[in-house]
Amino acid sequence: MAYSKRIAPIKLVFTIKEYNNLIGALTKNIDETKDDTTKELAILTKEKLLKYSVPRQKSDNVVEIDVKLYINEAADIISQLLSYLSVRMNEINYYQVLLKVRENMENNNND
């Protein structure tokens, strides 16, 4: 039986600033969140990113960081970023805005 190696299907390429922002958001989630599940996920994600990310010199002064992810890891990063943003954003209920937009669209289609 042939050995098959699973390769992460998602590849993200970050600038140094983007990578630092992502790690910073995860660090803030670790330090500031009261939810243990979010905190544990942030710790795990941060450790994976620090361990498996690959820095690459693109040109003289340009460095990029390659990150390969499985779908669940990408979902974890999105979840962590949303957790980070939810603490720092104004409390605007965009769901209600979405409902009004959908209602207007339906009314326009019925006319």
N, C-alpha and C. Protein backbone atom coordinates (compact mmCIF):
# COMPACT_ATOMS: atom_id res chain seq x y z
N MET A 1 0.85 -1.18 0.00
CA MET A 1 0.00 0.00 0.00
C MET A 1 0.89 1.23 0.00
N ALA A 2 0.61 2.14 -0.88
CA ALA A 2 1.41 3.37 -1.00
C ALA A 2 1.10 4.33 0.14
N TYR A 3 2.13 4.97 0.59
CA TYR A 3 1.98 5.98 1.65
C TYR A 3 1.49 7.27 1.02
N SER A 4 0.43 7.84 1.57
CA SER A 4 -0.05 9.11 1.05
C SER A 4 0.11 10.17 2.13
N LYS A 5 0.63 11.28 1.74
CA LYS A 5 0.88 12.38 2.67
C LYS A 5 -0.20 13.43 2.47
N ARG A 6 -0.86 13.80 3.55
CA ARG A 6 -1.88 14.84 3.46
C ARG A 6 -1.21 16.20 3.44
N ILE A 7 -1.55 16.99 2.47
CA ILE A 7 -1.01 18.34 2.35
C ILE A 7 -2.15 19.31 2.62
N ALA A 8 -1.86 20.29 3.46
CA ALA A 8 -2.88 21.30 3.78
C ALA A 8 -3.33 22.01 2.50
N PRO A 9 -4.63 22.08 2.26
CA PRO A 9 -5.12 22.63 0.99
C PRO A 9 -5.14 24.16 0.90
N ILE A 10 -5.01 24.84 2.02
CA ILE A 10 -5.10 26.30 2.02
C ILE A 10 -3.73 26.89 2.28
N LYS A 11 -3.33 27.82 1.42
CA LYS A 11 -2.05 28.50 1.61
C LYS A 11 -2.32 30.00 1.71
N LEU A 12 -1.86 30.57 2.81
CA LEU A 12 -1.94 32.01 3.00
C LEU A 12 -0.53 32.58 2.98
N VAL A 13 -0.39 33.74 2.38
CA VAL A 13 0.90 34.41 2.34
C VAL A 13 0.72 35.75 3.04
N PHE A 14 1.46 35.95 4.12
CA PHE A 14 1.37 37.17 4.92
C PHE A 14 2.61 38.03 4.76
N THR A 15 2.40 39.33 4.85
CA THR A 15 3.54 40.23 5.04
C THR A 15 3.93 40.12 6.52
N ILE A 16 5.06 40.68 6.86
CA ILE A 16 5.48 40.65 8.27
C ILE A 16 4.44 41.37 9.14
N LYS A 17 3.93 42.50 8.65
CA LYS A 17 2.95 43.26 9.42
C LYS A 17 1.66 42.46 9.63
N GLU A 18 1.18 41.81 8.58
CA GLU A 18 -0.04 41.00 8.69
C GLU A 18 0.15 39.83 9.66
N TYR A 19 1.31 39.18 9.56
CA TYR A 19 1.61 38.06 10.45
C TYR A 19 1.67 38.54 11.90
N ASN A 20 2.33 39.67 12.12
CA ASN A 20 2.42 40.23 13.47
C ASN A 20 1.03 40.60 14.00
N ASN A 21 0.18 41.17 13.14
CA ASN A 21 -1.19 41.52 13.55
C ASN A 21 -1.98 40.28 13.96
N LEU A 22 -1.84 39.21 13.18
CA LEU A 22 -2.55 37.97 13.49
C LEU A 22 -2.08 37.38 14.82
N ILE A 23 -0.78 37.29 15.00
CA ILE A 23 -0.24 36.76 16.25
C ILE A 23 -0.62 37.67 17.41
N GLY A 24 -0.62 38.98 17.17
CA GLY A 24 -1.03 39.94 18.20
C GLY A 24 -2.48 39.76 18.61
N ALA A 25 -3.36 39.53 17.63
CA ALA A 25 -4.78 39.30 17.93
C ALA A 25 -4.95 38.03 18.75
N LEU A 26 -4.22 36.98 18.39
CA LEU A 26 -4.30 35.74 19.16
C LEU A 26 -3.79 35.94 20.58
N THR A 27 -2.71 36.70 20.72
CA THR A 27 -2.16 36.99 22.05
C THR A 27 -3.16 37.76 22.90
N LYS A 28 -3.83 38.75 22.31
CA LYS A 28 -4.85 39.51 23.05
C LYS A 28 -5.99 38.59 23.48
N ASN A 29 -6.40 37.66 22.60
CA ASN A 29 -7.45 36.72 22.96
C ASN A 29 -7.01 35.83 24.13
N ILE A 30 -5.76 35.44 24.13
CA ILE A 30 -5.24 34.62 25.22
C ILE A 30 -5.25 35.41 26.53
N ASP A 31 -4.81 36.65 26.46
CA ASP A 31 -4.67 37.47 27.67
C ASP A 31 -5.99 38.02 28.20
N GLU A 32 -6.92 38.33 27.30
CA GLU A 32 -8.10 39.10 27.71
C GLU A 32 -9.42 38.33 27.74
N THR A 33 -9.49 37.19 27.08
CA THR A 33 -10.78 36.50 27.01
C THR A 33 -11.08 35.76 28.31
N LYS A 34 -12.35 35.71 28.63
CA LYS A 34 -12.78 34.99 29.82
C LYS A 34 -13.31 33.60 29.46
N ASP A 35 -13.54 33.38 28.18
CA ASP A 35 -14.05 32.10 27.71
C ASP A 35 -12.89 31.11 27.53
N ASP A 36 -12.91 30.03 28.29
CA ASP A 36 -11.82 29.06 28.27
C ASP A 36 -11.64 28.40 26.90
N THR A 37 -12.74 28.14 26.20
CA THR A 37 -12.65 27.51 24.89
C THR A 37 -11.94 28.41 23.90
N THR A 38 -12.31 29.69 23.90
CA THR A 38 -11.66 30.65 23.00
C THR A 38 -10.19 30.80 23.34
N LYS A 39 -9.90 30.83 24.62
CA LYS A 39 -8.51 30.97 25.08
C LYS A 39 -7.67 29.76 24.64
N GLU A 40 -8.18 28.55 24.84
CA GLU A 40 -7.45 27.34 24.46
C GLU A 40 -7.21 27.29 22.95
N LEU A 41 -8.23 27.67 22.18
CA LEU A 41 -8.10 27.68 20.73
C LEU A 41 -7.07 28.71 20.29
N ALA A 42 -7.05 29.86 20.95
CA ALA A 42 -6.07 30.90 20.62
C ALA A 42 -4.65 30.41 20.91
N ILE A 43 -4.48 29.73 22.03
CA ILE A 43 -3.15 29.21 22.38
C ILE A 43 -2.70 28.19 21.35
N LEU A 44 -3.58 27.26 21.02
CA LEU A 44 -3.25 26.22 20.03
C LEU A 44 -2.91 26.82 18.66
N THR A 45 -3.73 27.76 18.22
CA THR A 45 -3.54 28.39 16.91
C THR A 45 -2.24 29.17 16.88
N LYS A 46 -1.96 29.91 17.92
CA LYS A 46 -0.73 30.70 17.99
C LYS A 46 0.50 29.78 17.94
N GLU A 47 0.45 28.69 18.72
CA GLU A 47 1.57 27.75 18.73
C GLU A 47 1.80 27.14 17.35
N LYS A 48 0.72 26.77 16.66
CA LYS A 48 0.84 26.20 15.32
C LYS A 48 1.44 27.20 14.35
N LEU A 49 0.95 28.44 14.41
CA LEU A 49 1.47 29.47 13.50
C LEU A 49 2.95 29.74 13.74
N LEU A 50 3.36 29.79 14.99
CA LEU A 50 4.76 30.04 15.30
C LEU A 50 5.65 28.86 14.93
N LYS A 51 5.10 27.66 14.99
CA LYS A 51 5.90 26.47 14.72
C LYS A 51 5.98 26.14 13.23
N TYR A 52 4.88 26.29 12.52
CA TYR A 52 4.81 25.78 11.15
C TYR A 52 4.84 26.84 10.05
N SER A 53 4.82 28.11 10.39
CA SER A 53 4.90 29.15 9.37
C SER A 53 6.32 29.18 8.80
N VAL A 54 6.41 29.49 7.51
CA VAL A 54 7.71 29.47 6.83
C VAL A 54 8.02 30.86 6.28
N PRO A 55 9.06 31.52 6.83
CA PRO A 55 9.45 32.82 6.28
C PRO A 55 10.17 32.61 4.94
N ARG A 56 9.93 33.53 4.00
CA ARG A 56 10.52 33.41 2.67
C ARG A 56 10.96 34.79 2.20
N GLN A 57 12.21 34.89 1.78
CA GLN A 57 12.75 36.14 1.24
C GLN A 57 12.30 36.26 -0.21
N LYS A 58 11.50 37.28 -0.50
CA LYS A 58 10.98 37.44 -1.86
C LYS A 58 11.93 38.29 -2.70
N SER A 59 12.37 39.40 -2.15
CA SER A 59 13.35 40.25 -2.81
C SER A 59 14.22 40.86 -1.72
N ASP A 60 14.97 41.89 -2.06
CA ASP A 60 15.94 42.46 -1.11
C ASP A 60 15.34 42.75 0.26
N ASN A 61 14.27 43.53 0.31
CA ASN A 61 13.71 43.93 1.60
C ASN A 61 12.32 43.36 1.86
N VAL A 62 11.86 42.48 0.99
CA VAL A 62 10.50 41.96 1.13
C VAL A 62 10.56 40.52 1.64
N VAL A 63 9.95 40.33 2.79
CA VAL A 63 9.85 38.99 3.37
C VAL A 63 8.37 38.63 3.44
N GLU A 64 8.05 37.41 3.06
CA GLU A 64 6.69 36.92 3.18
C GLU A 64 6.71 35.68 4.07
N ILE A 65 5.59 35.43 4.69
CA ILE A 65 5.45 34.27 5.55
C ILE A 65 4.37 33.38 4.95
N ASP A 66 4.76 32.16 4.60
CA ASP A 66 3.82 31.18 4.05
C ASP A 66 3.22 30.37 5.18
N VAL A 67 1.91 30.24 5.14
CA VAL A 67 1.19 29.45 6.14
C VAL A 67 0.26 28.51 5.40
N LYS A 68 0.44 27.22 5.63
CA LYS A 68 -0.46 26.23 5.04
C LYS A 68 -1.40 25.73 6.13
N LEU A 69 -2.68 25.68 5.79
CA LEU A 69 -3.71 25.36 6.77
C LEU A 69 -4.68 24.32 6.24
N TYR A 70 -5.20 23.55 7.16
CA TYR A 70 -6.35 22.71 6.85
C TYR A 70 -7.60 23.56 7.04
N ILE A 71 -8.70 23.12 6.51
CA ILE A 71 -9.93 23.91 6.55
C ILE A 71 -10.33 24.24 7.98
N ASN A 72 -10.22 23.29 8.89
CA ASN A 72 -10.62 23.55 10.28
C ASN A 72 -9.69 24.58 10.93
N GLU A 73 -8.41 24.60 10.55
CA GLU A 73 -7.48 25.59 11.10
C GLU A 73 -7.79 26.99 10.58
N ALA A 74 -8.17 27.08 9.30
CA ALA A 74 -8.56 28.37 8.74
C ALA A 74 -9.83 28.87 9.43
N ALA A 75 -10.76 27.97 9.68
CA ALA A 75 -11.99 28.35 10.39
C ALA A 75 -11.66 28.81 11.81
N ASP A 76 -10.69 28.17 12.45
CA ASP A 76 -10.28 28.58 13.80
C ASP A 76 -9.70 29.99 13.79
N ILE A 77 -8.90 30.30 12.78
CA ILE A 77 -8.32 31.65 12.67
C ILE A 77 -9.41 32.68 12.47
N ILE A 78 -10.37 32.40 11.61
CA ILE A 78 -11.49 33.32 11.38
C ILE A 78 -12.27 33.52 12.68
N SER A 79 -12.53 32.44 13.38
CA SER A 79 -13.24 32.52 14.66
C SER A 79 -12.48 33.37 15.67
N GLN A 80 -11.17 33.20 15.73
CA GLN A 80 -10.35 33.98 16.65
C GLN A 80 -10.35 35.47 16.28
N LEU A 81 -10.27 35.76 14.99
CA LEU A 81 -10.30 37.17 14.56
C LEU A 81 -11.65 37.81 14.88
N LEU A 82 -12.73 37.05 14.70
CA LEU A 82 -14.05 37.58 15.04
C LEU A 82 -14.17 37.80 16.54
N SER A 83 -13.61 36.91 17.34
CA SER A 83 -13.62 37.10 18.80
C SER A 83 -12.84 38.35 19.18
N TYR A 84 -11.70 38.53 18.55
CA TYR A 84 -10.85 39.70 18.81
C TYR A 84 -11.60 40.99 18.45
N LEU A 85 -12.26 40.98 17.30
CA LEU A 85 -12.97 42.18 16.85
C LEU A 85 -14.22 42.46 17.68
N SER A 86 -14.89 41.43 18.13
CA SER A 86 -16.14 41.64 18.86
C SER A 86 -15.93 42.43 20.14
N VAL A 87 -14.77 42.32 20.74
CA VAL A 87 -14.47 43.06 21.96
C VAL A 87 -14.17 44.52 21.63
N ARG A 88 -13.67 44.79 20.45
CA ARG A 88 -13.17 46.11 20.11
C ARG A 88 -14.08 46.95 19.21
N MET A 89 -15.17 46.38 18.74
CA MET A 89 -16.05 47.11 17.83
C MET A 89 -17.25 47.69 18.56
N ASN A 90 -17.80 48.72 17.98
CA ASN A 90 -19.04 49.30 18.52
C ASN A 90 -20.16 48.28 18.41
N GLU A 91 -21.10 48.40 19.30
CA GLU A 91 -22.21 47.46 19.33
C GLU A 91 -23.29 47.89 18.32
N ILE A 92 -23.06 47.59 17.08
CA ILE A 92 -24.05 47.84 16.03
C ILE A 92 -24.61 46.49 15.63
N ASN A 93 -25.91 46.37 15.62
CA ASN A 93 -26.54 45.10 15.30
C ASN A 93 -26.71 45.00 13.78
N TYR A 94 -25.68 44.48 13.12
CA TYR A 94 -25.71 44.37 11.66
C TYR A 94 -26.68 43.30 11.19
N TYR A 95 -27.06 42.41 12.07
CA TYR A 95 -28.07 41.43 11.71
C TYR A 95 -29.40 42.13 11.42
N GLN A 96 -29.76 43.10 12.24
CA GLN A 96 -30.98 43.87 12.01
C GLN A 96 -30.89 44.65 10.69
N VAL A 97 -29.71 45.18 10.40
CA VAL A 97 -29.49 45.88 9.13
C VAL A 97 -29.69 44.91 7.97
N LEU A 98 -29.13 43.71 8.10
CA LEU A 98 -29.29 42.68 7.07
C LEU A 98 -30.76 42.35 6.85
N LEU A 99 -31.51 42.19 7.93
CA LEU A 99 -32.94 41.89 7.80
C LEU A 99 -33.69 42.99 7.07
N LYS A 100 -33.36 44.25 7.37
CA LYS A 100 -34.03 45.38 6.69
C LYS A 100 -33.67 45.41 5.21
N VAL A 101 -32.42 45.15 4.89
CA VAL A 101 -31.99 45.14 3.48
C VAL A 101 -32.72 44.03 2.74
N ARG A 102 -32.78 42.84 3.35
CA ARG A 102 -33.48 41.72 2.72
C ARG A 102 -34.97 42.03 2.54
N GLU A 103 -35.57 42.67 3.53
CA GLU A 103 -36.98 43.02 3.46
C GLU A 103 -37.20 44.02 2.31
N ASN A 104 -36.33 45.01 2.19
CA ASN A 104 -36.43 45.99 1.09
C ASN A 104 -36.28 45.31 -0.25
N MET A 105 -35.35 44.35 -0.35
CA MET A 105 -35.16 43.65 -1.61
C MET A 105 -36.40 42.86 -1.99
N GLU A 106 -37.00 42.20 -1.01
CA GLU A 106 -38.20 41.42 -1.27
C GLU A 106 -39.36 42.31 -1.67
N ASN A 107 -39.48 43.47 -1.02
CA ASN A 107 -40.53 44.42 -1.36
C ASN A 107 -40.35 44.95 -2.78
N ASN A 108 -39.12 45.21 -3.18
CA ASN A 108 -38.84 45.69 -4.53
C ASN A 108 -39.13 44.62 -5.57
N ASN A 109 -38.86 43.38 -5.23
CA ASN A 109 -39.11 42.27 -6.15
C ASN A 109 -40.61 42.01 -6.30
N ASN A 110 -41.38 42.28 -5.26
CA ASN A 110 -42.82 42.05 -5.30
C ASN A 110 -43.57 43.17 -6.03
N ASP A 111 -42.94 44.33 -6.15
CA ASP A 111 -43.60 45.47 -6.83
C ASP A 111 -43.63 45.33 -8.32
